Amino acid sequence: MQKDEKERVVADLTERLRSSETLIVADYRGLTNSEIDGLRTELLKHGARFAVVKNTLTRRAAEAAGADALLALLEGPTAVAFLESGGDAVAVAKALGDAARTTRVLAVRGGVLQGRAMSAADIDSLAKLPPADVLRAQLVGAVAGPMITIVGLFAAPLRDLVGVIDARITQLQERGDTSGADAPAADAAAGVPAADATPEPETNEPQEAGDGD
């Protein structure tokens, strides 16, 4: 590789490292070209670019980009999955894990997640998380759950009141008296007690005359 070409590769890697806060490093030793191409195509579906890199050039790029966490992972034949903006880190980790189990050759070394160093065990744990859309749905459910409970608490007294009114109307209808069916409902809704007795007529009793002077 000519010097100017090496400089171009280093510049390209430096830019990728600066723009990719998440990446996963793997040892691809033993993979065929066909297997590498297949893995590259699979990772593209999840928003990651899989590149076989030279450690000497990648070290220069990592130093230029300030990606110190990557330096410790550059031992032996190295391939890097660079996660692009909007990529699914969980899906990428899962695809690499599946490839490692299927080929029995690929070995995940570790990576960087949002600027933080991750071990191979961390990547394996990441691969076991639910997909991003499932996580979003779970988050929405966790937020909406308490709101539904609060609405239910406010609605319960209203449901109870309507139930009492309906029961009273049904009771009157069973007795064959529907003339006052609407009145109890209106009174109950207004909080006015029903009158059970007819008021007694007023009596005008003669007052006793007082002693005159």
Protein backbone atom coordinates (compact mmCIF):
# COMPACT_ATOMS: atom_id res chain seq x y z
CA MET A 1 0.00 0.00 0.00
CA GLN A 2 1.43 3.36 -1.06
CA LYS A 3 1.96 6.13 1.47
CA ASP A 4 -0.74 8.39 0.05
CA GLU A 5 -3.22 5.50 0.11
CA LYS A 6 -2.33 4.77 3.74
CA GLU A 7 -2.94 8.40 4.60
CA ARG A 8 -6.33 8.24 2.91
CA VAL A 9 -7.25 5.09 4.87
CA VAL A 10 -6.16 6.67 8.17
CA ALA A 11 -8.16 9.82 7.40
CA ASP A 12 -11.23 7.72 6.57
CA LEU A 13 -10.90 5.64 9.76
CA THR A 14 -10.38 8.77 11.85
CA GLU A 15 -13.57 10.30 10.49
CA ARG A 16 -15.51 7.08 11.17
CA LEU A 17 -14.22 6.90 14.73
CA ARG A 18 -15.19 10.52 15.37
CA SER A 19 -18.70 10.06 13.98
CA SER A 20 -19.38 6.61 15.49
CA GLU A 21 -19.88 6.66 19.26
CA THR A 22 -20.63 2.93 19.17
CA LEU A 23 -18.55 0.19 17.57
CA ILE A 24 -17.84 -3.50 18.08
CA VAL A 25 -14.48 -5.13 17.44
CA ALA A 26 -14.11 -8.77 16.39
CA ASP A 27 -11.37 -11.20 15.42
CA TYR A 28 -12.31 -12.44 11.96
CA ARG A 29 -9.43 -14.90 11.62
CA GLY A 30 -10.61 -18.01 9.75
CA LEU A 31 -13.67 -16.47 8.08
CA THR A 32 -13.97 -16.92 4.34
CA ASN A 33 -14.53 -13.97 2.02
CA SER A 34 -18.06 -15.23 1.43
CA GLU A 35 -18.78 -15.30 5.18
CA ILE A 36 -17.35 -11.81 5.62
CA ASP A 37 -19.53 -10.49 2.79
CA GLY A 38 -22.60 -12.18 4.24
CA LEU A 39 -21.93 -10.69 7.69
CA ARG A 40 -21.31 -7.27 6.15
CA THR A 41 -24.69 -7.43 4.37
CA GLU A 42 -26.48 -8.51 7.55
CA LEU A 43 -24.96 -5.70 9.62
CA LEU A 44 -25.91 -3.11 7.02
CA LYS A 45 -29.56 -4.01 7.66
CA HIS A 46 -29.10 -2.85 11.27
CA GLY A 47 -27.21 0.34 10.49
CA ALA A 48 -23.58 -0.78 10.87
CA ARG A 49 -20.66 -0.91 8.45
CA PHE A 50 -18.34 -3.90 8.89
CA ALA A 51 -14.74 -3.19 7.86
CA VAL A 52 -11.57 -5.30 7.99
CA VAL A 53 -8.81 -2.95 9.15
CA LYS A 54 -5.05 -2.99 9.58
CA ASN A 55 -4.06 -2.54 13.22
CA THR A 56 -1.16 -0.17 12.49
CA LEU A 57 -3.37 2.20 10.54
CA THR A 58 -6.28 1.86 12.96
CA ARG A 59 -4.03 2.74 15.90
CA ARG A 60 -3.01 5.94 14.14
CA ALA A 61 -6.65 6.76 13.45
CA ALA A 62 -7.67 5.96 17.05
CA GLU A 63 -4.97 8.24 18.43
CA ALA A 64 -5.99 11.03 16.05
CA ALA A 65 -9.67 10.64 16.97
CA GLY A 66 -9.02 10.30 20.71
CA ALA A 67 -10.57 6.81 20.75
CA ASP A 68 -8.28 5.45 23.45
CA ALA A 69 -10.71 2.63 24.41
CA LEU A 70 -10.19 1.08 20.97
CA LEU A 71 -6.39 0.76 21.26
CA ALA A 72 -6.52 -2.16 23.73
CA LEU A 73 -8.69 -4.18 21.31
CA LEU A 74 -6.30 -4.02 18.34
CA GLU A 75 -4.54 -7.38 18.69
CA GLY A 76 -4.49 -9.88 15.83
CA PRO A 77 -6.68 -9.77 12.68
CA THR A 78 -9.28 -7.10 13.35
CA ALA A 79 -12.67 -6.21 11.93
CA VAL A 80 -14.78 -3.33 13.23
CA ALA A 81 -18.54 -2.84 13.04
CA PHE A 82 -19.09 0.95 13.00
CA LEU A 83 -22.62 1.84 14.11
CA GLU A 84 -24.05 4.69 12.08
CA SER A 85 -26.56 7.28 13.28
CA GLY A 86 -29.90 5.56 13.80
CA GLY A 87 -28.34 2.10 13.91
CA ASP A 88 -29.53 -0.59 16.31
CA ALA A 89 -26.67 -1.54 18.65
CA VAL A 90 -28.63 -4.46 20.12
CA ALA A 91 -29.35 -5.96 16.69
CA VAL A 92 -25.71 -5.52 15.63
CA ALA A 93 -24.44 -7.23 18.79
CA LYS A 94 -26.93 -10.05 18.25
CA ALA A 95 -25.88 -10.53 14.59
CA LEU A 96 -22.22 -10.73 15.56
CA GLY A 97 -23.02 -13.15 18.38
CA ASP A 98 -25.02 -15.35 16.01
CA ALA A 99 -22.13 -15.32 13.51
CA ALA A 100 -19.70 -16.32 16.25
CA ARG A 101 -21.88 -19.29 17.24
CA THR A 102 -22.57 -20.32 13.63
CA THR A 103 -19.04 -20.08 12.25
CA ARG A 104 -17.24 -21.05 15.48
CA VAL A 105 -14.48 -18.81 14.14
CA LEU A 106 -15.51 -15.18 14.63
CA ALA A 107 -14.68 -13.93 18.14
CA VAL A 108 -16.05 -10.70 19.59
CA ARG A 109 -13.35 -8.87 21.56
CA GLY A 110 -15.28 -5.92 22.90
CA GLY A 111 -16.20 -2.47 21.76
CA VAL A 112 -17.24 1.05 22.61
CA LEU A 113 -20.83 2.01 23.47
CA GLN A 114 -21.62 5.73 23.51
CA GLY A 115 -17.94 6.41 24.16
CA ARG A 116 -17.61 3.86 26.98
CA ALA A 117 -15.41 0.76 26.71
CA MET A 118 -17.22 -2.60 26.68
CA SER A 119 -15.84 -6.09 27.18
CA ALA A 120 -16.83 -9.18 25.19
CA ALA A 121 -19.14 -10.15 28.07
CA ASP A 122 -20.80 -6.72 27.90
CA ILE A 123 -21.42 -7.18 24.18
CA ASP A 124 -22.95 -10.59 24.86
CA SER A 125 -25.29 -9.06 27.47
CA LEU A 126 -26.23 -6.31 25.01
CA ALA A 127 -27.15 -8.95 22.42
CA LYS A 128 -29.65 -10.50 24.86
CA LEU A 129 -31.69 -7.34 25.27
CA PRO A 130 -35.06 -7.06 23.46
CA PRO A 131 -35.06 -5.27 20.08
CA ALA A 132 -35.27 -1.48 20.09
CA ASP A 133 -38.96 -1.38 19.04
CA VAL A 134 -39.88 -3.76 21.89
CA LEU A 135 -37.96 -1.63 24.39
CA ARG A 136 -39.80 1.47 23.17
CA ALA A 137 -43.15 -0.30 23.58
CA GLN A 138 -42.20 -1.38 27.11
CA LEU A 139 -41.21 2.18 27.96
CA VAL A 140 -44.50 3.56 26.66
CA GLY A 141 -46.37 0.93 28.67
CA ALA A 142 -44.45 1.81 31.84
CA VAL A 143 -45.28 5.49 31.41
CA ALA A 144 -48.92 5.00 30.39
CA GLY A 145 -49.69 2.42 33.11
CA PRO A 146 -49.87 4.85 36.07
CA MET A 147 -51.94 7.31 34.02
CA ILE A 148 -54.52 4.61 33.25
CA THR A 149 -54.69 3.77 36.96
CA ILE A 150 -55.24 7.42 37.90
CA VAL A 151 -58.02 7.81 35.32
CA GLY A 152 -59.65 4.65 36.67
CA LEU A 153 -59.63 6.02 40.22
CA PHE A 154 -61.37 9.23 39.12
CA ALA A 155 -63.89 7.33 37.00
CA ALA A 156 -64.85 4.79 39.69
CA PRO A 157 -67.19 7.10 41.76
CA LEU A 158 -69.00 8.15 38.58
CA ARG A 159 -69.49 4.51 37.57
CA ASP A 160 -70.85 3.75 41.06
CA LEU A 161 -73.34 6.63 40.89
CA VAL A 162 -74.62 5.56 37.49
CA GLY A 163 -74.98 2.01 38.78
CA VAL A 164 -77.10 3.15 41.73
CA ILE A 165 -79.36 5.21 39.45
CA ASP A 166 -79.82 2.33 37.00
CA ALA A 167 -80.66 -0.05 39.83
CA ARG A 168 -83.28 2.35 41.21
CA ILE A 169 -84.91 2.76 37.78
CA THR A 170 -85.01 -1.02 37.31
CA GLN A 171 -86.60 -1.43 40.75
CA LEU A 172 -89.36 1.05 39.93
CA GLN A 173 -90.02 -0.55 36.55
CA GLU A 174 -90.40 -3.97 38.18
CA ARG A 175 -93.04 -2.50 40.50
CA GLY A 176 -94.85 -1.11 37.48
CA ASP A 177 -94.28 2.47 38.55
CA THR A 178 -92.40 4.34 35.84
CA SER A 179 -93.94 7.74 36.45
CA GLY A 180 -91.22 8.72 38.88
CA ALA A 181 -88.37 6.86 37.20
CA ASP A 182 -86.81 10.00 35.85
CA ALA A 183 -87.18 11.99 39.05
CA PRO A 184 -85.09 9.71 41.32
CA ALA A 185 -82.38 9.63 38.68
CA ALA A 186 -82.31 13.40 38.47
CA ASP A 187 -82.45 13.77 42.25
CA ALA A 188 -79.69 11.25 42.79
CA ALA A 189 -77.49 12.99 40.25
CA ALA A 190 -78.13 16.32 41.99
CA GLY A 191 -77.63 14.85 45.46
CA VAL A 192 -81.24 15.61 46.57
CA PRO A 193 -82.86 12.93 48.81
CA ALA A 194 -86.20 11.57 47.70
CA ALA A 195 -89.26 12.53 49.76
CA ASP A 196 -90.94 9.42 51.22
CA ALA A 197 -93.87 11.06 53.06
CA THR A 198 -96.53 13.58 52.10
CA PRO A 199 -96.28 16.72 54.28
CA GLU A 200 -99.10 17.05 56.83
CA PRO A 201 -101.57 19.92 56.27
CA GLU A 202 -101.11 22.95 58.49
CA THR A 203 -103.69 23.48 61.28
CA ASN A 204 -104.80 26.87 62.52
CA GLU A 205 -105.56 26.34 66.18
CA PRO A 206 -107.12 29.29 68.00
CA GLN A 207 -104.72 31.08 70.28
CA GLU A 208 -105.65 31.58 73.88
CA ALA A 209 -106.64 35.11 74.62
CA GLY A 210 -104.50 36.88 77.08
CA ASP A 211 -105.85 38.51 80.26
CA GLY A 212 -107.11 41.97 79.52
CA ASP A 213 -106.36 44.96 81.65
